[in-house]
Amino acid sequence: MKIVLNGAPREVRATTLTELLEECGYSGRVATAVNEDFVPSSLRLVHKLADGDRVEVVAPMQGG
């Protein structure tokens, strides 16, 4: 399926948000949104992705 991940078009096999994070190599604590709606970590396993979804994944950064 084709989605937009952090502003870049991408072809993925994942069908849920959890599968997408695993497929794209995200680990640890991240914040997620699909089509500009926040998706809490507790709902990622059941959040189904659809062709054309816009997914944002943000990881905390250290520094100052």
PDB file of N, CA and C in Angstrom:
ATOM      1  N   MET A   1       0.841  -1.172   0.000  1.00  0.00           N
ATOM      2  CA  MET A   1       0.000   0.000   0.000  1.00  0.00           C
ATOM      3  C   MET A   1       0.883   1.230   0.000  1.00  0.00           C
ATOM      4  N   LYS A   2       0.392   2.313  -0.547  1.00  0.00           N
ATOM      5  CA  LYS A   2       1.153   3.561  -0.598  1.00  0.00           C
ATOM      6  C   LYS A   2       0.651   4.504   0.488  1.00  0.00           C
ATOM      7  N   ILE A   3       1.613   4.994   1.284  1.00  0.00           N
ATOM      8  CA  ILE A   3       1.313   5.978   2.317  1.00  0.00           C
ATOM      9  C   ILE A   3       2.316   7.121   2.187  1.00  0.00           C
ATOM     10  N   VAL A   4       2.130   8.144   2.999  1.00  0.00           N
ATOM     11  CA  VAL A   4       3.110   9.217   3.117  1.00  0.00           C
ATOM     12  C   VAL A   4       3.615   9.170   4.554  1.00  0.00           C
ATOM     13  N   LEU A   5       4.907   8.905   4.723  1.00  0.00           N
ATOM     14  CA  LEU A   5       5.512   8.787   6.049  1.00  0.00           C
ATOM     15  C   LEU A   5       6.454   9.959   6.264  1.00  0.00           C
ATOM     16  N   ASN A   6       6.122  10.777   7.237  1.00  0.00           N
ATOM     17  CA  ASN A   6       6.919  11.976   7.546  1.00  0.00           C
ATOM     18  C   ASN A   6       7.187  12.809   6.296  1.00  0.00           C
ATOM     19  N   GLY A   7       6.154  12.951   5.466  1.00  0.00           N
ATOM     20  CA  GLY A   7       6.236  13.814   4.289  1.00  0.00           C
ATOM     21  C   GLY A   7       6.785  13.165   3.032  1.00  0.00           C
ATOM     22  N   ALA A   8       7.211  11.898   3.121  1.00  0.00           N
ATOM     23  CA  ALA A   8       7.795  11.215   1.954  1.00  0.00           C
ATOM     24  C   ALA A   8       6.919  10.036   1.537  1.00  0.00           C
ATOM     25  N   PRO A   9       6.618   9.930   0.246  1.00  0.00           N
ATOM     26  CA  PRO A   9       5.838   8.782  -0.226  1.00  0.00           C
ATOM     27  C   PRO A   9       6.596   7.477   0.038  1.00  0.00           C
ATOM     28  N   ARG A  10       5.842   6.443   0.386  1.00  0.00           N
ATOM     29  CA  ARG A  10       6.488   5.172   0.706  1.00  0.00           C
ATOM     30  C   ARG A  10       5.526   4.022   0.429  1.00  0.00           C
ATOM     31  N   GLU A  11       6.064   2.952  -0.096  1.00  0.00           N
ATOM     32  CA  GLU A  11       5.302   1.717  -0.317  1.00  0.00           C
ATOM     33  C   GLU A  11       5.591   0.789   0.859  1.00  0.00           C
ATOM     34  N   VAL A  12       4.544   0.318   1.546  1.00  0.00           N
ATOM     35  CA  VAL A  12       4.729  -0.532   2.723  1.00  0.00           C
ATOM     36  C   VAL A  12       3.827  -1.755   2.640  1.00  0.00           C
ATOM     37  N   ARG A  13       4.196  -2.786   3.410  1.00  0.00           N
ATOM     38  CA  ARG A  13       3.381  -3.998   3.509  1.00  0.00           C
ATOM     39  C   ARG A  13       2.498  -3.979   4.742  1.00  0.00           C
ATOM     40  N   ALA A  14       2.814  -3.133   5.708  1.00  0.00           N
ATOM     41  CA  ALA A  14       2.102  -3.072   6.985  1.00  0.00           C
ATOM     42  C   ALA A  14       0.620  -2.747   6.781  1.00  0.00           C
ATOM     43  N   THR A  15      -0.208  -3.306   7.662  1.00  0.00           N
ATOM     44  CA  THR A  15      -1.640  -2.999   7.629  1.00  0.00           C
ATOM     45  C   THR A  15      -2.099  -2.263   8.883  1.00  0.00           C
ATOM     46  N   THR A  16      -1.258  -2.281   9.943  1.00  0.00           N
ATOM     47  CA  THR A  16      -1.573  -1.532  11.160  1.00  0.00           C
ATOM     48  C   THR A  16      -0.423  -0.589  11.474  1.00  0.00           C
ATOM     49  N   LEU A  17      -0.686   0.351  12.351  1.00  0.00           N
ATOM     50  CA  LEU A  17       0.343   1.315  12.727  1.00  0.00           C
ATOM     51  C   LEU A  17       1.511   0.628  13.435  1.00  0.00           C
ATOM     52  N   THR A  18       1.229  -0.361  14.264  1.00  0.00           N
ATOM     53  CA  THR A  18       2.300  -1.107  14.933  1.00  0.00           C
ATOM     54  C   THR A  18       3.195  -1.809  13.917  1.00  0.00           C
ATOM     55  N   GLU A  19       2.576  -2.453  12.941  1.00  0.00           N
ATOM     56  CA  GLU A  19       3.352  -3.136  11.897  1.00  0.00           C
ATOM     57  C   GLU A  19       4.196  -2.141  11.110  1.00  0.00           C
ATOM     58  N   LEU A  20       3.659  -0.968  10.851  1.00  0.00           N
ATOM     59  CA  LEU A  20       4.410   0.062  10.116  1.00  0.00           C
ATOM     60  C   LEU A  20       5.650   0.484  10.891  1.00  0.00           C
ATOM     61  N   LEU A  21       5.504   0.714  12.183  1.00  0.00           N
ATOM     62  CA  LEU A  21       6.651   1.122  12.993  1.00  0.00           C
ATOM     63  C   LEU A  21       7.737   0.043  12.972  1.00  0.00           C
ATOM     64  N   GLU A  22       7.327  -1.217  13.071  1.00  0.00           N
ATOM     65  CA  GLU A  22       8.296  -2.316  13.024  1.00  0.00           C
ATOM     66  C   GLU A  22       8.960  -2.399  11.653  1.00  0.00           C
ATOM     67  N   GLU A  23       8.161  -2.299  10.590  1.00  0.00           N
ATOM     68  CA  GLU A  23       8.691  -2.395   9.231  1.00  0.00           C
ATOM     69  C   GLU A  23       9.694  -1.285   8.927  1.00  0.00           C
ATOM     70  N   CYS A  24       9.446  -0.108   9.476  1.00  0.00           N
ATOM     71  CA  CYS A  24      10.309   1.044   9.185  1.00  0.00           C
ATOM     72  C   CYS A  24      11.433   1.215  10.199  1.00  0.00           C
ATOM     73  N   GLY A  25      11.534   0.297  11.166  1.00  0.00           N
ATOM     74  CA  GLY A  25      12.664   0.301  12.091  1.00  0.00           C
ATOM     75  C   GLY A  25      12.556   1.252  13.263  1.00  0.00           C
ATOM     76  N   TYR A  26      11.348   1.693  13.578  1.00  0.00           N
ATOM     77  CA  TYR A  26      11.178   2.564  14.750  1.00  0.00           C
ATOM     78  C   TYR A  26      11.106   1.703  15.996  1.00  0.00           C
ATOM     79  N   SER A  27      11.835   2.116  17.015  1.00  0.00           N
ATOM     80  CA  SER A  27      11.784   1.418  18.295  1.00  0.00           C
ATOM     81  C   SER A  27      11.847   2.458  19.402  1.00  0.00           C
ATOM     82  N   GLY A  28      11.500   2.037  20.592  1.00  0.00           N
ATOM     83  CA  GLY A  28      11.508   2.968  21.707  1.00  0.00           C
ATOM     84  C   GLY A  28      10.271   3.852  21.691  1.00  0.00           C
ATOM     85  N   ARG A  29      10.390   4.967  22.373  1.00  0.00           N
ATOM     86  CA  ARG A  29       9.237   5.866  22.529  1.00  0.00           C
ATOM     87  C   ARG A  29       9.139   6.814  21.342  1.00  0.00           C
ATOM     88  N   VAL A  30       7.996   6.793  20.694  1.00  0.00           N
ATOM     89  CA  VAL A  30       7.711   7.712  19.597  1.00  0.00           C
ATOM     90  C   VAL A  30       6.272   8.180  19.730  1.00  0.00           C
ATOM     91  N   ALA A  31       5.984   9.317  19.137  1.00  0.00           N
ATOM     92  CA  ALA A  31       4.613   9.817  19.035  1.00  0.00           C
ATOM     93  C   ALA A  31       4.154   9.579  17.608  1.00  0.00           C
ATOM     94  N   THR A  32       2.873   9.232  17.443  1.00  0.00           N
ATOM     95  CA  THR A  32       2.360   8.929  16.115  1.00  0.00           C
ATOM     96  C   THR A  32       1.065   9.685  15.837  1.00  0.00           C
ATOM     97  N   ALA A  33       0.898  10.045  14.569  1.00  0.00           N
ATOM     98  CA  ALA A  33      -0.346  10.656  14.109  1.00  0.00           C
ATOM     99  C   ALA A  33      -0.646  10.099  12.720  1.00  0.00           C
ATOM    100  N   VAL A  34      -1.924   9.894  12.441  1.00  0.00           N
ATOM    101  CA  VAL A  34      -2.363   9.441  11.129  1.00  0.00           C
ATOM    102  C   VAL A  34      -3.402  10.445  10.637  1.00  0.00           C
ATOM    103  N   ASN A  35      -3.125  11.016   9.474  1.00  0.00           N
ATOM    104  CA  ASN A  35      -4.007  12.032   8.898  1.00  0.00           C
ATOM    105  C   ASN A  35      -4.276  13.168   9.890  1.00  0.00           C
ATOM    106  N   GLU A  36      -3.206  13.560  10.588  1.00  0.00           N
ATOM    107  CA  GLU A  36      -3.185  14.674  11.535  1.00  0.00           C
ATOM    108  C   GLU A  36      -3.936  14.405  12.830  1.00  0.00           C
ATOM    109  N   ASP A  37      -4.321  13.143  13.080  1.00  0.00           N
ATOM    110  CA  ASP A  37      -4.957  12.766  14.341  1.00  0.00           C
ATOM    111  C   ASP A  37      -3.986  11.934  15.163  1.00  0.00           C
ATOM    112  N   PHE A  38      -3.722  12.374  16.407  1.00  0.00           N
ATOM    113  CA  PHE A  38      -2.832  11.653  17.313  1.00  0.00           C
ATOM    114  C   PHE A  38      -3.350  10.239  17.549  1.00  0.00           C
ATOM    115  N   VAL A  39      -2.441   9.263  17.510  1.00  0.00           N
ATOM    116  CA  VAL A  39      -2.791   7.868  17.816  1.00  0.00           C
ATOM    117  C   VAL A  39      -1.945   7.437  19.008  1.00  0.00           C
ATOM    118  N   PRO A  40      -2.561   7.228  20.175  1.00  0.00           N
ATOM    119  CA  PRO A  40      -1.788   6.808  21.347  1.00  0.00           C
ATOM    120  C   PRO A  40      -1.211   5.410  21.162  1.00  0.00           C
ATOM    121  N   SER A  41      -0.143   5.126  21.871  1.00  0.00           N
ATOM    122  CA  SER A  41       0.541   3.837  21.722  1.00  0.00           C
ATOM    123  C   SER A  41      -0.393   2.667  22.014  1.00  0.00           C
ATOM    124  N   SER A  42      -1.350   2.849  22.897  1.00  0.00           N
ATOM    125  CA  SER A  42      -2.260   1.756  23.254  1.00  0.00           C
ATOM    126  C   SER A  42      -3.206   1.372  22.112  1.00  0.00           C
ATOM    127  N   LEU A  43      -3.345   2.239  21.111  1.00  0.00           N
ATOM    128  CA  LEU A  43      -4.256   1.966  19.996  1.00  0.00           C
ATOM    129  C   LEU A  43      -3.543   1.628  18.689  1.00  0.00           C
ATOM    130  N   ARG A  44      -2.227   1.646  18.676  1.00  0.00           N
ATOM    131  CA  ARG A  44      -1.475   1.412  17.430  1.00  0.00           C
ATOM    132  C   ARG A  44      -1.694   0.012  16.871  1.00  0.00           C
ATOM    133  N   LEU A  45      -1.845  -0.975  17.734  1.00  0.00           N
ATOM    134  CA  LEU A  45      -2.019  -2.355  17.296  1.00  0.00           C
ATOM    135  C   LEU A  45      -3.322  -2.541  16.516  1.00  0.00           C
ATOM    136  N   VAL A  46      -4.347  -1.790  16.863  1.00  0.00           N
ATOM    137  CA  VAL A  46      -5.653  -1.947  16.212  1.00  0.00           C
ATOM    138  C   VAL A  46      -5.939  -0.855  15.184  1.00  0.00           C
ATOM    139  N   HIS A  47      -5.040   0.120  15.068  1.00  0.00           N
ATOM    140  CA  HIS A  47      -5.266   1.202  14.101  1.00  0.00           C
ATOM    141  C   HIS A  47      -4.882   0.726  12.700  1.00  0.00           C
ATOM    142  N   LYS A  48      -5.892   0.492  11.881  1.00  0.00           N
ATOM    143  CA  LYS A  48      -5.676   0.017  10.511  1.00  0.00           C
ATOM    144  C   LYS A  48      -5.248   1.171   9.609  1.00  0.00           C
ATOM    145  N   LEU A  49      -4.301   0.897   8.739  1.00  0.00           N
ATOM    146  CA  LEU A  49      -3.852   1.879   7.760  1.00  0.00           C
ATOM    147  C   LEU A  49      -4.621   1.696   6.461  1.00  0.00           C
ATOM    148  N   ALA A  50      -4.785   2.791   5.728  1.00  0.00           N
ATOM    149  CA  ALA A  50      -5.446   2.754   4.433  1.00  0.00           C
ATOM    150  C   ALA A  50      -4.536   3.390   3.393  1.00  0.00           C
ATOM    151  N   ASP A  51      -4.703   2.968   2.156  1.00  0.00           N
ATOM    152  CA  ASP A  51      -3.927   3.535   1.063  1.00  0.00           C
ATOM    153  C   ASP A  51      -4.073   5.055   1.066  1.00  0.00           C
ATOM    154  N   GLY A  52      -2.943   5.756   1.004  1.00  0.00           N
ATOM    155  CA  GLY A  52      -2.954   7.211   0.970  1.00  0.00           C
ATOM    156  C   GLY A  52      -2.877   7.891   2.328  1.00  0.00           C
ATOM    157  N   ASP A  53      -2.881   7.120   3.426  1.00  0.00           N
ATOM    158  CA  ASP A  53      -2.775   7.730   4.754  1.00  0.00           C
ATOM    159  C   ASP A  53      -1.492   8.548   4.876  1.00  0.00           C
ATOM    160  N   ARG A  54      -1.578   9.623   5.642  1.00  0.00           N
ATOM    161  CA  ARG A  54      -0.419  10.455   5.960  1.00  0.00           C
ATOM    162  C   ARG A  54      -0.033  10.168   7.414  1.00  0.00           C
ATOM    163  N   VAL A  55       1.130   9.564   7.600  1.00  0.00           N
ATOM    164  CA  VAL A  55       1.580   9.141   8.923  1.00  0.00           C
ATOM    165  C   VAL A  55       2.780   9.988   9.337  1.00  0.00           C
ATOM    166  N   GLU A  56       2.723  10.482  10.561  1.00  0.00           N
ATOM    167  CA  GLU A  56       3.849  11.221  11.142  1.00  0.00           C
ATOM    168  C   GLU A  56       4.342  10.445  12.352  1.00  0.00           C
ATOM    169  N   VAL A  57       5.659  10.252  12.429  1.00  0.00           N
ATOM    170  CA  VAL A  57       6.290   9.589  13.566  1.00  0.00           C
ATOM    171  C   VAL A  57       7.357  10.527  14.088  1.00  0.00           C
ATOM    172  N   VAL A  58       7.264  10.861  15.374  1.00  0.00           N
ATOM    173  CA  VAL A  58       8.205  11.807  15.978  1.00  0.00           C
ATOM    174  C   VAL A  58       8.867  11.130  17.166  1.00  0.00           C
ATOM    175  N   ALA A  59      10.191  11.136  17.172  1.00  0.00           N
ATOM    176  CA  ALA A  59      10.961  10.566  18.272  1.00  0.00           C
ATOM    177  C   ALA A  59      11.572  11.703  19.084  1.00  0.00           C
ATOM    178  N   PRO A  60      11.608  11.561  20.412  1.00  0.00           N
ATOM    179  CA  PRO A  60      12.224  12.604  21.232  1.00  0.00           C
ATOM    180  C   PRO A  60      13.709  12.707  20.949  1.00  0.00           C
ATOM    181  N   MET A  61      14.223  13.923  21.019  1.00  0.00           N
ATOM    182  CA  MET A  61      15.653  14.170  20.770  1.00  0.00           C
ATOM    183  C   MET A  61      16.261  14.846  21.990  1.00  0.00           C
ATOM    184  N   GLN A  62      17.505  14.551  22.237  1.00  0.00           N
ATOM    185  CA  GLN A  62      18.213  15.221  23.319  1.00  0.00           C
ATOM    186  C   GLN A  62      19.099  16.300  22.737  1.00  0.00           C
ATOM    187  N   GLY A  63      19.422  17.236  23.561  1.00  0.00           N
ATOM    188  CA  GLY A  63      20.293  18.314  23.110  1.00  0.00           C
ATOM    189  C   GLY A  63      19.800  19.628  23.663  1.00  0.00           C
ATOM    190  N   GLY A  64      20.452  20.662  23.248  1.00  0.00           N
ATOM    191  CA  GLY A  64      20.003  21.925  23.809  1.00  0.00           C
ATOM    192  C   GLY A  64      20.391  23.093  23.034  1.00  0.00           C
TER     193      GLY A  64
END
